[in-house]
N, C-alpha and C. Protein backbone atom coordinates (compact mmCIF):
# COMPACT_ATOMS: atom_id res chain seq x y z
N MET A 1 217.96 -215.03 -183.55
CA MET A 1 217.77 -214.20 -184.71
C MET A 1 219.10 -214.02 -185.42
N SER A 2 219.12 -214.26 -186.74
CA SER A 2 220.38 -214.11 -187.47
C SER A 2 220.53 -212.68 -187.97
N GLU A 3 221.77 -212.24 -188.05
CA GLU A 3 222.08 -210.89 -188.51
C GLU A 3 221.99 -210.83 -190.02
N SER A 4 221.27 -209.86 -190.55
CA SER A 4 221.10 -209.69 -191.98
C SER A 4 222.23 -208.84 -192.54
N VAL A 5 223.02 -209.40 -193.48
CA VAL A 5 224.12 -208.68 -194.10
C VAL A 5 223.95 -208.77 -195.61
N ARG A 6 223.93 -207.60 -196.25
CA ARG A 6 223.88 -207.54 -197.71
C ARG A 6 225.09 -206.78 -198.20
N THR A 7 225.47 -207.02 -199.45
CA THR A 7 226.57 -206.27 -200.05
C THR A 7 226.07 -205.61 -201.33
N GLY A 8 226.77 -204.58 -201.74
CA GLY A 8 226.40 -203.90 -202.97
C GLY A 8 227.44 -202.87 -203.34
N LYS A 9 227.12 -202.08 -204.38
CA LYS A 9 228.00 -200.99 -204.78
C LYS A 9 227.15 -199.84 -205.27
N ALA A 10 227.72 -198.66 -205.17
CA ALA A 10 227.03 -197.44 -205.58
C ALA A 10 228.03 -196.50 -206.22
N LYS A 11 227.56 -195.73 -207.21
CA LYS A 11 228.40 -194.74 -207.87
C LYS A 11 227.74 -193.38 -207.71
N GLY A 12 228.57 -192.37 -207.50
CA GLY A 12 228.05 -191.02 -207.38
C GLY A 12 229.14 -190.04 -207.07
N LYS A 13 228.72 -188.84 -206.66
CA LYS A 13 229.64 -187.75 -206.36
C LYS A 13 229.75 -187.58 -204.85
N VAL A 14 230.97 -187.39 -204.36
CA VAL A 14 231.19 -187.19 -202.93
C VAL A 14 230.62 -185.83 -202.53
N ALA A 15 229.64 -185.84 -201.63
CA ALA A 15 229.04 -184.60 -201.13
C ALA A 15 229.71 -184.16 -199.83
N ALA A 16 230.18 -185.12 -199.04
CA ALA A 16 230.89 -184.82 -197.79
C ALA A 16 231.79 -186.01 -197.49
N PHE A 17 232.92 -185.72 -196.80
CA PHE A 17 233.90 -186.77 -196.55
C PHE A 17 234.75 -186.38 -195.35
N ASP A 18 234.93 -187.33 -194.44
CA ASP A 18 235.92 -187.16 -193.37
C ASP A 18 236.49 -188.53 -193.06
N ARG A 19 237.26 -188.65 -192.01
CA ARG A 19 237.95 -189.92 -191.77
C ARG A 19 237.03 -191.04 -191.31
N THR A 20 235.79 -190.73 -190.91
CA THR A 20 234.88 -191.78 -190.43
C THR A 20 233.63 -191.97 -191.27
N SER A 21 233.36 -191.07 -192.23
CA SER A 21 232.15 -191.23 -193.03
C SER A 21 232.26 -190.54 -194.39
N LEU A 22 231.42 -191.01 -195.30
CA LEU A 22 231.36 -190.47 -196.65
C LEU A 22 229.88 -190.31 -197.00
N THR A 23 229.51 -189.16 -197.56
CA THR A 23 228.15 -188.96 -198.06
C THR A 23 228.24 -188.90 -199.57
N LEU A 24 227.48 -189.78 -200.21
CA LEU A 24 227.50 -189.92 -201.66
C LEU A 24 226.19 -189.38 -202.22
N GLU A 25 226.28 -188.53 -203.25
CA GLU A 25 225.10 -188.03 -203.93
C GLU A 25 224.96 -188.76 -205.26
N MET A 26 223.78 -189.34 -205.47
CA MET A 26 223.53 -190.14 -206.67
C MET A 26 222.24 -189.67 -207.32
N GLN A 27 222.06 -190.03 -208.58
CA GLN A 27 220.81 -189.74 -209.30
C GLN A 27 219.99 -191.03 -209.39
N LYS A 28 218.77 -190.97 -208.91
CA LYS A 28 217.85 -192.10 -209.02
C LYS A 28 216.54 -191.58 -209.58
N LYS A 29 216.18 -192.07 -210.76
CA LYS A 29 214.95 -191.64 -211.44
C LYS A 29 214.89 -190.12 -211.57
N GLY A 30 216.03 -189.52 -211.91
CA GLY A 30 216.08 -188.08 -212.12
C GLY A 30 216.12 -187.23 -210.86
N GLN A 31 216.14 -187.86 -209.71
CA GLN A 31 216.18 -187.15 -208.43
C GLN A 31 217.53 -187.37 -207.75
N ALA A 32 218.05 -186.31 -207.15
CA ALA A 32 219.29 -186.43 -206.38
C ALA A 32 218.97 -187.06 -205.02
N VAL A 33 219.68 -188.12 -204.68
CA VAL A 33 219.52 -188.75 -203.37
C VAL A 33 220.90 -188.87 -202.74
N ARG A 34 220.92 -188.88 -201.42
CA ARG A 34 222.19 -189.00 -200.70
C ARG A 34 222.15 -190.24 -199.82
N ALA A 35 223.32 -190.87 -199.69
CA ALA A 35 223.48 -192.01 -198.81
C ALA A 35 224.76 -191.84 -198.02
N ASN A 36 224.74 -192.28 -196.78
CA ASN A 36 225.91 -192.17 -195.90
C ASN A 36 226.55 -193.54 -195.72
N TYR A 37 227.88 -193.55 -195.72
CA TYR A 37 228.66 -194.78 -195.57
C TYR A 37 229.67 -194.59 -194.46
N VAL A 38 229.78 -195.58 -193.59
CA VAL A 38 230.77 -195.57 -192.52
C VAL A 38 232.12 -195.95 -193.11
N ILE A 39 233.17 -195.24 -192.70
CA ILE A 39 234.54 -195.58 -193.08
C ILE A 39 235.23 -196.09 -191.82
N ASP A 40 235.83 -197.28 -191.93
CA ASP A 40 236.54 -197.83 -190.77
C ASP A 40 237.91 -198.34 -191.22
N VAL A 41 238.63 -198.99 -190.30
CA VAL A 41 239.99 -199.44 -190.61
C VAL A 41 240.03 -200.47 -191.74
N GLY A 42 238.92 -201.12 -192.02
CA GLY A 42 238.87 -202.11 -193.09
C GLY A 42 238.57 -201.54 -194.45
N THR A 43 238.25 -200.24 -194.53
CA THR A 43 237.92 -199.61 -195.81
C THR A 43 239.18 -199.38 -196.63
N LYS A 44 239.18 -199.89 -197.87
CA LYS A 44 240.31 -199.67 -198.78
C LYS A 44 239.95 -198.50 -199.70
N THR A 45 240.92 -197.64 -199.96
CA THR A 45 240.68 -196.52 -200.87
C THR A 45 241.66 -196.56 -202.03
N LYS A 46 241.17 -196.16 -203.20
CA LYS A 46 242.02 -196.07 -204.39
C LYS A 46 241.80 -194.69 -204.98
N GLY A 47 242.83 -193.88 -204.96
CA GLY A 47 242.74 -192.51 -205.45
C GLY A 47 242.56 -191.54 -204.30
N ASN A 48 242.50 -190.25 -204.65
CA ASN A 48 242.37 -189.19 -203.65
C ASN A 48 240.89 -188.86 -203.47
N VAL A 49 240.29 -189.36 -202.41
CA VAL A 49 238.88 -189.12 -202.14
C VAL A 49 238.72 -187.71 -201.59
N GLU A 50 237.88 -186.90 -202.27
CA GLU A 50 237.61 -185.55 -201.82
C GLU A 50 236.23 -185.12 -202.33
N VAL A 51 235.69 -184.09 -201.72
CA VAL A 51 234.37 -183.59 -202.10
C VAL A 51 234.38 -183.22 -203.58
N GLY A 52 233.35 -183.67 -204.30
CA GLY A 52 233.23 -183.40 -205.73
C GLY A 52 233.73 -184.51 -206.62
N ALA A 53 234.51 -185.45 -206.07
CA ALA A 53 235.04 -186.55 -206.87
C ALA A 53 233.93 -187.56 -207.19
N GLU A 54 233.99 -188.15 -208.39
CA GLU A 54 233.09 -189.24 -208.76
C GLU A 54 233.74 -190.53 -208.25
N VAL A 55 232.99 -191.31 -207.46
CA VAL A 55 233.56 -192.51 -206.85
C VAL A 55 232.60 -193.69 -206.99
N GLU A 56 233.17 -194.87 -206.80
CA GLU A 56 232.39 -196.09 -206.66
C GLU A 56 232.65 -196.63 -205.26
N VAL A 57 231.59 -196.87 -204.52
CA VAL A 57 231.70 -197.39 -203.16
C VAL A 57 231.17 -198.82 -203.14
N LYS A 58 231.97 -199.73 -202.66
CA LYS A 58 231.49 -201.09 -202.39
C LYS A 58 231.22 -201.13 -200.90
N TYR A 59 230.12 -201.76 -200.51
CA TYR A 59 229.71 -201.71 -199.12
C TYR A 59 229.04 -203.00 -198.67
N ARG A 60 228.92 -203.09 -197.36
CA ARG A 60 228.11 -204.14 -196.75
C ARG A 60 227.09 -203.43 -195.87
N GLU A 61 225.87 -203.92 -195.89
CA GLU A 61 224.82 -203.32 -195.09
C GLU A 61 224.51 -204.26 -193.94
N VAL A 62 224.63 -203.74 -192.72
CA VAL A 62 224.35 -204.52 -191.51
C VAL A 62 223.31 -203.76 -190.71
N LEU A 63 222.15 -204.36 -190.56
CA LEU A 63 221.07 -203.76 -189.78
C LEU A 63 220.78 -202.31 -190.17
N GLY A 64 220.77 -202.05 -191.47
CA GLY A 64 220.43 -200.73 -191.97
C GLY A 64 221.57 -199.72 -192.04
N THR A 65 222.77 -200.11 -191.61
CA THR A 65 223.93 -199.21 -191.67
C THR A 65 224.84 -199.68 -192.80
N PHE A 66 225.30 -198.74 -193.63
CA PHE A 66 226.18 -199.05 -194.76
C PHE A 66 227.63 -198.84 -194.35
N PHE A 67 228.42 -199.91 -194.38
CA PHE A 67 229.85 -199.88 -194.07
C PHE A 67 230.62 -200.01 -195.38
N SER A 68 231.43 -198.99 -195.72
CA SER A 68 232.20 -199.05 -196.97
C SER A 68 233.33 -200.06 -196.82
N THR A 69 233.47 -200.93 -197.83
CA THR A 69 234.59 -201.86 -197.86
C THR A 69 235.68 -201.36 -198.79
N SER A 70 235.27 -200.60 -199.83
CA SER A 70 236.26 -199.96 -200.69
C SER A 70 235.65 -198.72 -201.33
N ILE A 71 236.51 -197.74 -201.58
CA ILE A 71 236.13 -196.50 -202.25
C ILE A 71 237.15 -196.27 -203.35
N GLU A 72 236.68 -196.20 -204.60
CA GLU A 72 237.58 -195.99 -205.73
C GLU A 72 237.18 -194.71 -206.46
N VAL A 73 238.13 -193.81 -206.61
CA VAL A 73 237.89 -192.56 -207.34
C VAL A 73 237.87 -192.88 -208.83
N LYS A 74 236.76 -192.52 -209.48
CA LYS A 74 236.62 -192.73 -210.92
C LYS A 74 236.97 -191.47 -211.70
N LYS A 75 236.69 -190.30 -211.09
CA LYS A 75 236.97 -189.01 -211.74
C LYS A 75 237.18 -187.97 -210.66
N PRO A 76 238.33 -187.27 -210.68
CA PRO A 76 238.57 -186.24 -209.67
C PRO A 76 237.58 -185.08 -209.84
N PRO A 77 237.43 -184.24 -208.82
CA PRO A 77 236.49 -183.11 -208.92
C PRO A 77 236.93 -182.11 -209.97
N GLN A 78 235.96 -181.40 -210.53
CA GLN A 78 236.25 -180.33 -211.49
C GLN A 78 236.97 -179.20 -210.75
N THR A 79 237.99 -178.65 -211.37
CA THR A 79 238.76 -177.59 -210.72
C THR A 79 238.32 -176.21 -211.16
N GLY A 80 237.47 -176.12 -212.18
CA GLY A 80 237.03 -174.82 -212.66
C GLY A 80 238.04 -174.13 -213.54
N LYS A 81 239.08 -174.86 -213.98
CA LYS A 81 240.13 -174.27 -214.81
C LYS A 81 239.89 -174.51 -216.30
N ALA A 82 238.70 -174.99 -216.66
CA ALA A 82 238.40 -175.23 -218.07
C ALA A 82 238.42 -173.89 -218.81
N GLY A 83 238.66 -173.95 -220.11
CA GLY A 83 238.76 -172.72 -220.91
C GLY A 83 237.56 -171.82 -220.77
N LYS A 84 237.82 -170.54 -220.68
CA LYS A 84 236.73 -169.56 -220.53
C LYS A 84 236.54 -168.82 -221.83
């Protein structure tokens, strides 16, 4: 049996993040959905990844598990310092 490997990319907002995983919240057909990505030594990051940041994740899917190959911050999180 051969191992099924797919690649892809996703854009969304970081809902949770630590050194081994990232949870991304995305909008699909008007509904918020979340996906989890494994972070390992091969994951490249560009920018300061933190909760609330808008990011693009490139990944490979192996047997239903998403392994991030790169995470790029597109927009840092809102700080709440906008004019009142």
